[in-house]
Amino acid sequence: MSKPLIVQSDKTMLLEVDNQEFEECRNVISRFAELEKSPEYLHTYRISSLSLWNAASTRMSAEEIVEALHKYARYSVPKNVINEIQEQISRYGKVKLVKDETGELAIISNEKGFIQEIGAHRSIQPYIQERIGPDKIHVKKEYRGHIKQALIKIGFPVEDLAGYDEGNKFPFNLRPETVGGNKFGMRDYQRASVEVFHAGGTNEGGSGVVVLPCGAGKTIVGIGVMQII
């Protein structure tokens, strides 16, 4: 049987629904591509800079993405698509948001010229607290989310490693059954969502958006996150 995926040079992908590899392919490409249209027979996905940066934030490599495309593609994968994947994945993590030794929130980068370019953008300037040097800018803590959004818009996907302040613990456990007596427990994909969000309690976790279909139990994922922290 033919492969389910057609990868086009404009970075759109057509996924055939009536194919035995449909679900397997969909589960893989949804990690690095955005669903645009889902009519009955053919779903359309698009690979974008943002979808690739999101994939990189989950530690998915360019090699994994390209390998997946080769595995499921009906025809050869356009070279410009492969080049774009490699370029955008490589950009993630070159700019970092950290809490430095002074306790201030800082944008840092070891890439020559990145910090100067970032600091020169009008959309970033309202958030600058102090220019420390060629590889660091102190920014205002209260605008952390706004800063990350602004950096993405100017093409600098920032890796947020600033972490969070520890609060008072409020331990609780999930009930093994509902009030009505039915069995209750997190599904595997819900638990996986919690683990990705938490990231083992490291500074890489604790921020982001959990995206699941309607009725998939995002509230349960939220409760699971509350429990684990």
Protein backbone atom coordinates (compact mmCIF):
# COMPACT_ATOMS: atom_id res chain seq x y z
CA MET A 1 0.00 0.00 0.00
CA SER A 2 1.25 3.51 -0.79
CA LYS A 3 2.56 5.81 1.90
CA PRO A 4 0.05 8.24 3.46
CA LEU A 5 1.91 11.57 3.28
CA ILE A 6 2.62 14.01 0.47
CA VAL A 7 5.18 16.68 1.41
CA GLN A 8 5.06 19.80 -0.78
CA SER A 9 7.71 22.43 -1.41
CA ASP A 10 5.60 25.17 0.23
CA LYS A 11 5.90 23.17 3.51
CA THR A 12 2.31 21.95 3.45
CA MET A 13 1.66 18.24 3.86
CA LEU A 14 -1.33 16.22 2.71
CA LEU A 15 -2.21 13.21 4.86
CA GLU A 16 -4.48 10.54 3.40
CA VAL A 17 -7.09 9.47 5.95
CA ASP A 18 -7.98 6.19 4.23
CA ASN A 19 -4.53 4.68 4.73
CA GLN A 20 -3.45 1.99 7.17
CA GLU A 21 -0.61 4.20 8.42
CA PHE A 22 -2.81 7.28 8.91
CA GLU A 23 -2.99 7.28 12.71
CA GLU A 24 0.66 6.39 13.17
CA CYS A 25 1.75 9.14 10.78
CA ARG A 26 -0.66 11.70 12.26
CA ASN A 27 0.67 11.09 15.77
CA VAL A 28 4.23 11.70 14.59
CA ILE A 29 3.79 14.74 12.35
CA SER A 30 1.50 16.52 14.84
CA ARG A 31 4.62 16.97 16.98
CA PHE A 32 6.22 19.29 14.42
CA ALA A 33 3.43 20.50 12.11
CA GLU A 34 0.14 22.38 12.49
CA LEU A 35 -3.18 20.97 11.34
CA GLU A 36 -4.83 23.46 8.96
CA LYS A 37 -7.75 21.55 7.43
CA SER A 38 -9.30 18.18 8.20
CA PRO A 39 -11.98 17.25 5.64
CA GLU A 40 -13.13 13.66 5.43
CA TYR A 41 -10.48 12.17 3.14
CA LEU A 42 -7.40 14.39 3.22
CA HIS A 43 -5.94 16.39 6.11
CA THR A 44 -3.66 19.37 5.49
CA TYR A 45 -0.73 20.13 7.79
CA ARG A 46 1.80 22.94 7.59
CA ILE A 47 5.39 23.01 8.83
CA SER A 48 6.13 26.49 10.20
CA SER A 49 8.94 28.11 12.14
CA LEU A 50 6.79 28.08 15.27
CA SER A 51 5.79 24.43 14.91
CA LEU A 52 9.45 23.48 14.51
CA TRP A 53 10.52 25.54 17.52
CA ASN A 54 7.80 23.86 19.57
CA ALA A 55 9.16 20.50 18.45
CA ALA A 56 12.68 21.56 19.41
CA SER A 57 11.45 22.59 22.86
CA THR A 58 10.40 18.95 23.42
CA ARG A 59 13.90 17.86 22.39
CA MET A 60 12.86 16.59 18.98
CA SER A 61 15.83 16.83 16.62
CA ALA A 62 15.96 17.81 12.95
CA GLU A 63 17.19 14.29 12.19
CA GLU A 64 14.10 12.74 13.82
CA ILE A 65 11.77 15.01 11.85
CA VAL A 66 13.46 14.39 8.50
CA GLU A 67 13.56 10.65 9.19
CA ALA A 68 9.81 10.68 9.92
CA LEU A 69 9.10 12.50 6.65
CA HIS A 70 11.16 10.00 4.67
CA LYS A 71 9.38 7.13 6.43
CA TYR A 72 5.83 8.26 5.62
CA ALA A 73 6.26 10.32 2.44
CA ARG A 74 4.81 8.90 -0.78
CA TYR A 75 7.28 10.87 -2.87
CA SER A 76 10.70 12.35 -2.21
CA VAL A 77 10.84 15.13 0.38
CA PRO A 78 11.72 18.51 -1.21
CA LYS A 79 15.24 19.64 -0.36
CA ASN A 80 14.10 23.15 0.64
CA VAL A 81 11.80 21.62 3.28
CA ILE A 82 14.68 19.63 4.76
CA ASN A 83 16.89 22.74 4.77
CA GLU A 84 14.18 24.77 6.53
CA ILE A 85 13.74 22.09 9.19
CA GLN A 86 17.47 21.99 9.89
CA GLU A 87 17.75 25.80 9.99
CA GLN A 88 14.81 26.43 12.32
CA ILE A 89 15.58 23.58 14.71
CA SER A 90 19.17 24.83 14.98
CA ARG A 91 17.96 28.31 16.00
CA TYR A 92 16.16 27.06 19.09
CA GLY A 93 18.24 27.42 22.24
CA LYS A 94 20.74 29.90 20.85
CA VAL A 95 18.97 32.56 22.91
CA LYS A 96 18.14 31.75 26.52
CA LEU A 97 16.11 33.37 29.28
CA VAL A 98 17.78 32.75 32.65
CA LYS A 99 17.96 34.00 36.19
CA ASP A 100 21.58 35.10 36.53
CA GLU A 101 23.88 35.24 39.54
CA THR A 102 22.37 38.57 40.63
CA GLY A 103 18.86 37.11 40.64
CA GLU A 104 17.81 39.24 37.67
CA LEU A 105 16.00 37.90 34.62
CA ALA A 106 18.37 37.98 31.67
CA ILE A 107 18.43 37.26 27.95
CA ILE A 108 21.76 35.65 27.06
CA SER A 109 23.39 34.22 23.95
CA ASN A 110 26.82 32.98 22.93
CA GLU A 111 26.06 33.72 19.29
CA LYS A 112 27.96 36.79 18.12
CA GLY A 113 25.71 39.76 17.45
CA PHE A 114 22.47 38.14 18.62
CA ILE A 115 22.07 40.22 21.78
CA GLN A 116 22.88 43.48 19.98
CA GLU A 117 20.31 42.65 17.30
CA ILE A 118 17.67 41.72 19.88
CA GLY A 119 18.28 44.88 21.89
CA ALA A 120 17.91 47.02 18.79
CA HIS A 121 14.37 45.83 18.08
CA ARG A 122 11.69 48.34 19.00
CA SER A 123 9.38 45.57 20.30
CA ILE A 124 12.00 44.45 22.84
CA GLN A 125 13.17 47.85 24.10
CA PRO A 126 10.23 48.48 26.52
CA TYR A 127 11.22 45.35 28.43
CA ILE A 128 14.93 46.11 28.79
CA GLN A 129 16.07 46.90 32.32
CA GLU A 130 19.81 47.16 31.71
CA ARG A 131 22.28 46.30 28.96
CA ILE A 132 25.03 44.29 30.67
CA GLY A 133 27.33 43.48 27.77
CA PRO A 134 27.54 41.99 24.28
CA ASP A 135 26.03 38.68 25.43
CA LYS A 136 23.51 39.69 28.12
CA ILE A 137 20.53 41.99 28.72
CA HIS A 138 18.65 42.30 31.99
CA VAL A 139 14.89 42.43 31.36
CA LYS A 140 11.87 43.16 33.53
CA LYS A 141 10.67 40.05 35.37
CA GLU A 142 7.01 41.00 35.32
CA TYR A 143 6.98 40.88 31.50
CA ARG A 144 8.47 37.41 31.12
CA GLY A 145 5.66 36.08 28.92
CA HIS A 146 5.51 39.24 26.81
CA ILE A 147 9.28 39.05 26.27
CA LYS A 148 9.10 35.46 25.03
CA GLN A 149 6.30 36.35 22.61
CA ALA A 150 8.18 39.38 21.32
CA LEU A 151 11.33 37.31 20.75
CA ILE A 152 9.41 34.70 18.77
CA LYS A 153 7.88 37.40 16.57
CA ILE A 154 11.32 38.70 15.60
CA GLY A 155 12.66 35.21 14.87
CA PHE A 156 14.49 34.38 18.10
CA PRO A 157 12.90 31.32 19.77
CA VAL A 158 14.04 31.67 23.36
CA GLU A 159 14.71 28.71 25.64
CA ASP A 160 13.25 29.59 29.04
CA LEU A 161 15.55 28.28 31.78
CA ALA A 162 14.73 30.91 34.41
CA GLY A 163 12.70 28.52 36.53
CA TYR A 164 10.26 29.54 39.25
CA ASP A 165 10.39 30.42 42.93
CA GLU A 166 9.45 27.59 45.29
CA GLY A 167 6.12 28.08 47.04
CA ASN A 168 4.54 26.34 50.01
CA LYS A 169 3.68 22.70 49.36
CA PHE A 170 0.03 21.65 49.18
CA PRO A 171 0.17 17.86 48.76
CA PHE A 172 -2.82 15.88 47.48
CA ASN A 173 -3.52 12.70 45.51
CA LEU A 174 -5.98 11.90 42.76
CA ARG A 175 -8.97 9.79 43.78
CA PRO A 176 -8.96 6.17 42.56
CA GLU A 177 -12.69 6.46 41.87
CA THR A 178 -15.30 9.15 41.30
CA VAL A 179 -17.93 10.21 43.82
CA GLY A 180 -20.33 8.04 41.85
CA GLY A 181 -18.15 4.97 42.38
CA ASN A 182 -16.66 4.72 38.89
CA LYS A 183 -12.96 3.95 38.46
CA PHE A 184 -10.86 7.05 37.87
CA GLY A 185 -7.30 7.43 36.67
CA MET A 186 -5.24 9.42 34.21
CA ARG A 187 -4.99 8.07 30.69
CA ASP A 188 -1.52 7.42 29.26
CA TYR A 189 -1.58 10.49 26.99
CA GLN A 190 -2.70 12.69 29.91
CA ARG A 191 0.16 11.43 32.06
CA ALA A 192 2.57 11.99 29.17
CA SER A 193 1.30 15.59 28.87
CA VAL A 194 1.92 16.15 32.59
CA GLU A 195 5.45 14.76 32.31
CA VAL A 196 6.33 16.91 29.29
CA PHE A 197 5.00 20.04 31.02
CA HIS A 198 6.79 19.25 34.31
CA ALA A 199 10.08 18.19 32.63
CA GLY A 200 11.23 16.35 35.73
CA GLY A 201 11.05 19.50 37.83
CA THR A 202 13.95 21.12 35.98
CA ASN A 203 14.07 24.74 34.86
CA GLU A 204 13.02 23.57 31.39
CA GLY A 205 9.52 22.77 32.66
CA GLY A 206 6.65 24.71 34.16
CA SER A 207 5.69 26.90 31.21
CA GLY A 208 3.90 26.37 27.94
CA VAL A 209 0.48 25.34 26.72
CA VAL A 210 -1.02 21.85 26.84
CA VAL A 211 -2.92 21.33 23.58
CA LEU A 212 -5.39 18.45 23.33
CA PRO A 213 -8.69 17.95 21.45
CA CYS A 214 -12.02 18.92 23.00
CA GLY A 215 -13.10 16.33 25.53
CA ALA A 216 -9.60 14.85 25.89
CA GLY A 217 -9.34 15.87 29.54
CA LYS A 218 -7.15 18.97 29.66
CA THR A 219 -8.61 19.75 33.09
CA ILE A 220 -7.37 16.36 34.31
CA VAL A 221 -3.92 17.21 32.91
CA GLY A 222 -4.01 20.48 34.86
CA ILE A 223 -4.91 18.66 38.07
CA GLY A 224 -2.11 16.17 37.37
CA VAL A 225 0.37 19.04 37.03
CA MET A 226 -0.85 20.50 40.33
CA GLN A 227 -0.31 17.14 42.01
CA ILE A 228 3.21 16.60 40.69
CA ILE A 229 4.47 20.02 41.72
